[in-house]
């Protein structure tokens, strides 16, 4: 009988501990979910304004667009200022990173030229692949003002126009993949006519 009572007491104690822990976790979640959501919202707004300067002074219209290649949707953020669309920020992604997926925000003007670009999230190697982030290097600047219809989004080692990050060719290729996915979806969605990129040519390696 004593053993039975001990088992019941132990079970009851575990139940109480579990219930208290679940209640505390629920409380913490409810307490923090709004601040976390607000931080993410502000980060997104800042990223849109970075790649399409002036977005904070206008209206942003969000659209979900499924690319021809890739298993997840892209997000288009049309920036309207004084009733005129000045550009569109595209939240794109690549699954070809050294450490897996990372997401990129790129801004396009109305004819498909890249306004600016930056990494939103990544798991690339510190000091190497993470240099795809604007704060880490000048890698991103080479895309500004370029139209991927004529600027080939491949590293020079592969016959493209992009200077890869030294010792981080995989990350550089992945970044190009993310930009290309965004551009392809952008020009198709808005029916923008583009000229094909130049044919492969021997540019030599830069790493």
C-alpha atoms as a PDB file:
ATOM      1  CA  UNK A   1       0.000   0.000   0.000  1.00  0.00           C
ATOM      2  CA  UNK A   2       2.866   2.315   0.862  1.00  0.00           C
ATOM      3  CA  UNK A   3       4.403   1.765  -2.562  1.00  0.00           C
ATOM      4  CA  UNK A   4       1.103   2.567  -4.230  1.00  0.00           C
ATOM      5  CA  UNK A   5       0.744   5.779  -2.226  1.00  0.00           C
ATOM      6  CA  UNK A   6       4.338   6.730  -3.077  1.00  0.00           C
ATOM      7  CA  UNK A   7       3.682   6.173  -6.792  1.00  0.00           C
ATOM      8  CA  UNK A   8       0.511   8.284  -6.655  1.00  0.00           C
ATOM      9  CA  UNK A   9       2.340  11.078  -4.828  1.00  0.00           C
ATOM     10  CA  UNK A  10       5.190  11.003  -7.337  1.00  0.00           C
ATOM     11  CA  UNK A  11       2.768  11.075 -10.269  1.00  0.00           C
ATOM     12  CA  UNK A  12       0.829  13.958  -8.725  1.00  0.00           C
ATOM     13  CA  UNK A  13       4.049  15.883  -8.090  1.00  0.00           C
ATOM     14  CA  UNK A  14       5.213  15.433 -11.673  1.00  0.00           C
ATOM     15  CA  UNK A  15       1.803  16.511 -12.949  1.00  0.00           C
ATOM     16  CA  UNK A  16       1.903  19.672 -10.850  1.00  0.00           C
ATOM     17  CA  UNK A  17       5.460  20.507 -11.956  1.00  0.00           C
ATOM     18  CA  UNK A  18       4.526  19.967 -15.608  1.00  0.00           C
ATOM     19  CA  UNK A  19       1.387  22.082 -15.288  1.00  0.00           C
ATOM     20  CA  UNK A  20       3.285  24.913 -13.603  1.00  0.00           C
ATOM     21  CA  UNK A  21       6.045  24.798 -16.242  1.00  0.00           C
ATOM     22  CA  UNK A  22       3.499  24.832 -19.068  1.00  0.00           C
ATOM     23  CA  UNK A  23       1.690  27.767 -17.488  1.00  0.00           C
ATOM     24  CA  UNK A  24       4.936  29.712 -17.087  1.00  0.00           C
ATOM     25  CA  UNK A  25       5.970  29.003 -20.676  1.00  0.00           C
ATOM     26  CA  UNK A  26       2.580  30.147 -21.915  1.00  0.00           C
ATOM     27  CA  UNK A  27       2.880  33.320 -19.861  1.00  0.00           C
ATOM     28  CA  UNK A  28       6.388  34.052 -21.177  1.00  0.00           C
ATOM     29  CA  UNK A  29       5.254  33.418 -24.766  1.00  0.00           C
ATOM     30  CA  UNK A  30       2.270  35.748 -24.435  1.00  0.00           C
ATOM     31  CA  UNK A  31       4.425  38.350 -22.742  1.00  0.00           C
ATOM     32  CA  UNK A  32       7.158  38.318 -25.395  1.00  0.00           C
ATOM     33  CA  UNK A  33       5.350  37.524 -28.675  1.00  0.00           C
ATOM     34  CA  UNK A  34       4.227  41.105 -29.340  1.00  0.00           C
ATOM     35  CA  UNK A  35       7.667  42.692 -28.701  1.00  0.00           C
ATOM     36  CA  UNK A  36       9.335  40.015 -30.864  1.00  0.00           C
ATOM     37  CA  UNK A  37       6.816  40.581 -33.658  1.00  0.00           C
ATOM     38  CA  UNK A  38       7.408  44.336 -33.409  1.00  0.00           C
ATOM     39  CA  UNK A  39      11.184  43.897 -33.657  1.00  0.00           C
ATOM     40  CA  UNK A  40      10.765  41.719 -36.764  1.00  0.00           C
ATOM     41  CA  UNK A  41       8.420  44.284 -38.274  1.00  0.00           C
ATOM     42  CA  UNK A  42      10.866  47.127 -37.676  1.00  0.00           C
ATOM     43  CA  UNK A  43      13.744  45.054 -39.086  1.00  0.00           C
ATOM     44  CA  UNK A  44      11.706  44.351 -42.217  1.00  0.00           C
ATOM     45  CA  UNK A  45      10.816  48.026 -42.633  1.00  0.00           C
ATOM     46  CA  UNK A  46      14.465  49.031 -42.270  1.00  0.00           C
ATOM     47  CA  UNK A  47      15.524  46.432 -44.836  1.00  0.00           C
ATOM     48  CA  UNK A  48      12.908  47.600 -47.346  1.00  0.00           C
ATOM     49  CA  UNK A  49      13.981  51.202 -46.849  1.00  0.00           C
ATOM     50  CA  UNK A  50      17.632  50.201 -47.331  1.00  0.00           C
ATOM     51  CA  UNK A  51      17.091  48.609 -50.725  1.00  0.00           C
ATOM     52  CA  UNK A  52      14.437  51.113 -51.854  1.00  0.00           C
ATOM     53  CA  UNK A  53      15.368  54.433 -50.237  1.00  0.00           C
ATOM     54  CA  UNK A  54      12.310  56.538 -49.475  1.00  0.00           C
ATOM     55  CA  UNK A  55      10.103  53.587 -48.598  1.00  0.00           C
ATOM     56  CA  UNK A  56       9.610  55.033 -45.125  1.00  0.00           C
ATOM     57  CA  UNK A  57       7.988  58.108 -46.678  1.00  0.00           C
ATOM     58  CA  UNK A  58       5.453  56.191 -48.738  1.00  0.00           C
ATOM     59  CA  UNK A  59       3.122  53.221 -48.738  1.00  0.00           C
ATOM     60  CA  UNK A  60       4.339  49.636 -48.958  1.00  0.00           C
ATOM     61  CA  UNK A  61       2.120  47.020 -50.592  1.00  0.00           C
ATOM     62  CA  UNK A  62       3.020  43.385 -49.923  1.00  0.00           C
ATOM     63  CA  UNK A  63       2.498  40.613 -52.484  1.00  0.00           C
ATOM     64  CA  UNK A  64       3.353  36.903 -52.335  1.00  0.00           C
ATOM     65  CA  UNK A  65       4.830  35.564 -55.578  1.00  0.00           C
ATOM     66  CA  UNK A  66       5.785  31.964 -56.337  1.00  0.00           C
ATOM     67  CA  UNK A  67       9.002  31.742 -58.400  1.00  0.00           C
ATOM     68  CA  UNK A  68       9.428  29.248 -61.224  1.00  0.00           C
ATOM     69  CA  UNK A  69      12.371  27.716 -59.369  1.00  0.00           C
ATOM     70  CA  UNK A  70      12.266  27.209 -55.632  1.00  0.00           C
ATOM     71  CA  UNK A  71       9.813  25.640 -53.230  1.00  0.00           C
ATOM     72  CA  UNK A  72       8.755  28.757 -51.314  1.00  0.00           C
ATOM     73  CA  UNK A  73       7.166  32.054 -52.243  1.00  0.00           C
ATOM     74  CA  UNK A  74       9.013  35.335 -52.549  1.00  0.00           C
ATOM     75  CA  UNK A  75       7.622  38.516 -51.034  1.00  0.00           C
ATOM     76  CA  UNK A  76       7.324  41.685 -53.092  1.00  0.00           C
ATOM     77  CA  UNK A  77       7.047  45.023 -51.305  1.00  0.00           C
ATOM     78  CA  UNK A  78       5.916  47.688 -53.761  1.00  0.00           C
ATOM     79  CA  UNK A  79       6.908  51.156 -52.613  1.00  0.00           C
ATOM     80  CA  UNK A  80       4.432  53.898 -53.567  1.00  0.00           C
ATOM     81  CA  UNK A  81       5.363  57.545 -52.936  1.00  0.00           C
ATOM     82  CA  UNK A  82       2.962  60.323 -53.986  1.00  0.00           C
ATOM     83  CA  UNK A  83       0.936  57.771 -55.980  1.00  0.00           C
ATOM     84  CA  UNK A  84       4.013  56.727 -57.979  1.00  0.00           C
ATOM     85  CA  UNK A  85       5.769  53.371 -57.653  1.00  0.00           C
ATOM     86  CA  UNK A  86       9.447  54.130 -57.096  1.00  0.00           C
ATOM     87  CA  UNK A  87      10.613  50.556 -56.741  1.00  0.00           C
ATOM     88  CA  UNK A  88       9.955  47.129 -55.307  1.00  0.00           C
ATOM     89  CA  UNK A  89      11.838  45.325 -52.557  1.00  0.00           C
ATOM     90  CA  UNK A  90      11.946  41.557 -53.027  1.00  0.00           C
ATOM     91  CA  UNK A  91      12.562  39.183 -50.157  1.00  0.00           C
ATOM     92  CA  UNK A  92      14.241  36.235 -51.819  1.00  0.00           C
ATOM     93  CA  UNK A  93      16.234  33.200 -50.737  1.00  0.00           C
ATOM     94  CA  UNK A  94      18.756  30.571 -51.740  1.00  0.00           C
ATOM     95  CA  UNK A  95      19.267  27.019 -50.533  1.00  0.00           C
ATOM     96  CA  UNK A  96      22.765  26.820 -51.987  1.00  0.00           C
ATOM     97  CA  UNK A  97      24.617  28.466 -49.126  1.00  0.00           C
ATOM     98  CA  UNK A  98      27.563  26.719 -47.470  1.00  0.00           C
ATOM     99  CA  UNK A  99      25.483  26.359 -44.302  1.00  0.00           C
ATOM    100  CA  UNK A 100      22.091  26.059 -45.980  1.00  0.00           C
ATOM    101  CA  UNK A 101      19.400  28.628 -46.671  1.00  0.00           C
ATOM    102  CA  UNK A 102      19.835  32.335 -46.290  1.00  0.00           C
ATOM    103  CA  UNK A 103      17.490  35.144 -47.219  1.00  0.00           C
ATOM    104  CA  UNK A 104      18.255  38.323 -49.121  1.00  0.00           C
ATOM    105  CA  UNK A 105      16.415  41.593 -49.671  1.00  0.00           C
ATOM    106  CA  UNK A 106      16.971  43.234 -53.049  1.00  0.00           C
ATOM    107  CA  UNK A 107      15.384  46.375 -54.443  1.00  0.00           C
ATOM    108  CA  UNK A 108      14.528  46.840 -58.116  1.00  0.00           C
ATOM    109  CA  UNK A 109      13.518  49.974 -59.961  1.00  0.00           C
ATOM    110  CA  UNK A 110      10.650  49.901 -62.442  1.00  0.00           C
ATOM    111  CA  UNK A 111      12.789  48.497 -65.286  1.00  0.00           C
ATOM    112  CA  UNK A 112      14.590  45.817 -63.283  1.00  0.00           C
ATOM    113  CA  UNK A 113      17.822  47.557 -62.282  1.00  0.00           C
ATOM    114  CA  UNK A 114      19.093  46.661 -58.819  1.00  0.00           C
ATOM    115  CA  UNK A 115      18.801  49.629 -56.461  1.00  0.00           C
ATOM    116  CA  UNK A 116      20.488  47.950 -53.492  1.00  0.00           C
ATOM    117  CA  UNK A 117      20.705  44.611 -51.729  1.00  0.00           C
ATOM    118  CA  UNK A 118      21.599  42.987 -48.429  1.00  0.00           C
ATOM    119  CA  UNK A 119      21.372  39.744 -46.464  1.00  0.00           C
ATOM    120  CA  UNK A 120      18.520  39.384 -43.997  1.00  0.00           C
ATOM    121  CA  UNK A 121      19.388  36.028 -42.426  1.00  0.00           C
ATOM    122  CA  UNK A 122      22.219  33.574 -42.907  1.00  0.00           C
ATOM    123  CA  UNK A 123      24.264  30.877 -41.196  1.00  0.00           C
ATOM    124  CA  UNK A 124      27.408  31.292 -43.261  1.00  0.00           C
ATOM    125  CA  UNK A 125      30.915  30.996 -41.822  1.00  0.00           C
ATOM    126  CA  UNK A 126      31.975  34.084 -39.821  1.00  0.00           C
ATOM    127  CA  UNK A 127      34.733  35.980 -41.604  1.00  0.00           C
ATOM    128  CA  UNK A 128      34.050  34.256 -44.937  1.00  0.00           C
ATOM    129  CA  UNK A 129      30.510  33.599 -46.149  1.00  0.00           C
ATOM    130  CA  UNK A 130      29.034  36.195 -43.825  1.00  0.00           C
ATOM    131  CA  UNK A 131      30.777  38.844 -45.939  1.00  0.00           C
ATOM    132  CA  UNK A 132      27.735  38.668 -48.193  1.00  0.00           C
ATOM    133  CA  UNK A 133      26.225  41.026 -45.606  1.00  0.00           C
ATOM    134  CA  UNK A 134      26.628  44.722 -46.408  1.00  0.00           C
ATOM    135  CA  UNK A 135      28.023  45.433 -42.948  1.00  0.00           C
ATOM    136  CA  UNK A 136      30.851  42.935 -43.483  1.00  0.00           C
ATOM    137  CA  UNK A 137      32.276  43.874 -46.900  1.00  0.00           C
ATOM    138  CA  UNK A 138      31.754  45.718 -50.177  1.00  0.00           C
ATOM    139  CA  UNK A 139      30.589  42.569 -51.941  1.00  0.00           C
ATOM    140  CA  UNK A 140      27.014  43.862 -52.286  1.00  0.00           C
ATOM    141  CA  UNK A 141      28.017  47.158 -53.883  1.00  0.00           C
ATOM    142  CA  UNK A 142      28.965  45.524 -57.206  1.00  0.00           C
ATOM    143  CA  UNK A 143      25.287  44.771 -57.885  1.00  0.00           C
ATOM    144  CA  UNK A 144      24.025  48.330 -57.399  1.00  0.00           C
ATOM    145  CA  UNK A 145      22.728  49.830 -60.617  1.00  0.00           C
ATOM    146  CA  UNK A 146      23.135  46.570 -62.512  1.00  0.00           C
ATOM    147  CA  UNK A 147      20.392  44.929 -64.540  1.00  0.00           C
ATOM    148  CA  UNK A 148      20.601  41.115 -64.344  1.00  0.00           C
ATOM    149  CA  UNK A 149      19.282  41.003 -67.886  1.00  0.00           C
ATOM    150  CA  UNK A 150      22.738  42.102 -69.041  1.00  0.00           C
ATOM    151  CA  UNK A 151      24.863  41.704 -65.904  1.00  0.00           C
ATOM    152  CA  UNK A 152      25.468  37.988 -65.529  1.00  0.00           C
ATOM    153  CA  UNK A 153      24.744  36.868 -61.986  1.00  0.00           C
ATOM    154  CA  UNK A 154      27.469  34.260 -61.773  1.00  0.00           C
ATOM    155  CA  UNK A 155      30.914  34.489 -60.264  1.00  0.00           C
ATOM    156  CA  UNK A 156      33.744  35.198 -62.710  1.00  0.00           C
ATOM    157  CA  UNK A 157      35.157  31.743 -62.096  1.00  0.00           C
ATOM    158  CA  UNK A 158      31.968  30.396 -63.708  1.00  0.00           C
ATOM    159  CA  UNK A 159      32.037  32.887 -66.594  1.00  0.00           C
ATOM    160  CA  UNK A 160      29.860  35.535 -64.960  1.00  0.00           C
ATOM    161  CA  UNK A 161      30.346  39.166 -63.964  1.00  0.00           C
ATOM    162  CA  UNK A 162      30.487  38.836 -60.178  1.00  0.00           C
ATOM    163  CA  UNK A 163      33.652  39.180 -58.092  1.00  0.00           C
ATOM    164  CA  UNK A 164      33.373  36.374 -55.555  1.00  0.00           C
ATOM    165  CA  UNK A 165      34.363  36.757 -51.933  1.00  0.00           C
ATOM    166  CA  UNK A 166      37.822  35.293 -51.467  1.00  0.00           C
ATOM    167  CA  UNK A 167      37.633  31.765 -50.018  1.00  0.00           C
ATOM    168  CA  UNK A 168      33.824  31.929 -50.034  1.00  0.00           C
ATOM    169  CA  UNK A 169      32.899  31.028 -53.593  1.00  0.00           C
ATOM    170  CA  UNK A 170      29.991  28.825 -52.481  1.00  0.00           C
ATOM    171  CA  UNK A 171      28.391  31.676 -50.531  1.00  0.00           C
ATOM    172  CA  UNK A 172      29.003  34.053 -53.436  1.00  0.00           C
ATOM    173  CA  UNK A 173      27.348  31.665 -55.879  1.00  0.00           C
ATOM    174  CA  UNK A 174      24.426  31.233 -53.515  1.00  0.00           C
ATOM    175  CA  UNK A 175      23.972  34.983 -53.190  1.00  0.00           C
ATOM    176  CA  UNK A 176      23.851  35.261 -56.973  1.00  0.00           C
ATOM    177  CA  UNK A 177      21.278  32.473 -57.018  1.00  0.00           C
ATOM    178  CA  UNK A 178      19.054  34.425 -54.622  1.00  0.00           C
ATOM    179  CA  UNK A 179      19.321  37.597 -56.700  1.00  0.00           C
ATOM    180  CA  UNK A 180      18.638  35.721 -59.933  1.00  0.00           C
ATOM    181  CA  UNK A 181      15.540  34.102 -58.426  1.00  0.00           C
ATOM    182  CA  UNK A 182      14.273  37.514 -57.397  1.00  0.00           C
ATOM    183  CA  UNK A 183      14.986  39.078 -60.790  1.00  0.00           C
ATOM    184  CA  UNK A 184      13.361  36.257 -62.756  1.00  0.00           C
ATOM    185  CA  UNK A 185      10.213  36.438 -60.667  1.00  0.00           C
ATOM    186  CA  UNK A 186      10.178  40.242 -60.786  1.00  0.00           C
ATOM    187  CA  UNK A 187      10.392  40.630 -64.562  1.00  0.00           C
ATOM    188  CA  UNK A 188       7.864  37.841 -65.118  1.00  0.00           C
ATOM    189  CA  UNK A 189       5.364  39.247 -62.629  1.00  0.00           C
ATOM    190  CA  UNK A 190       5.532  42.759 -64.093  1.00  0.00           C
ATOM    191  CA  UNK A 191       6.079  41.569 -67.673  1.00  0.00           C
ATOM    192  CA  UNK A 192       9.320  43.529 -68.052  1.00  0.00           C
ATOM    193  CA  UNK A 193      11.248  42.886 -71.257  1.00  0.00           C
ATOM    194  CA  UNK A 194      14.959  42.294 -70.772  1.00  0.00           C
ATOM    195  CA  UNK A 195      17.974  41.624 -72.945  1.00  0.00           C
ATOM    196  CA  UNK A 196      19.700  38.270 -72.390  1.00  0.00           C
ATOM    197  CA  UNK A 197      22.927  38.274 -70.405  1.00  0.00           C
ATOM    198  CA  UNK A 198      26.132  38.018 -72.473  1.00  0.00           C
ATOM    199  CA  UNK A 199      27.269  34.538 -73.459  1.00  0.00           C
ATOM    200  CA  UNK A 200      29.842  32.768 -71.299  1.00  0.00           C
ATOM    201  CA  UNK A 201      33.307  34.106 -71.739  1.00  0.00           C
ATOM    202  CA  UNK A 202      36.666  33.402 -70.198  1.00  0.00           C
ATOM    203  CA  UNK A 203      37.084  36.016 -67.484  1.00  0.00           C
ATOM    204  CA  UNK A 204      39.628  34.140 -65.444  1.00  0.00           C
ATOM    205  CA  UNK A 205      39.456  33.450 -61.749  1.00  0.00           C
ATOM    206  CA  UNK A 206      39.719  36.151 -59.118  1.00  0.00           C
ATOM    207  CA  UNK A 207      40.343  33.962 -56.121  1.00  0.00           C
END
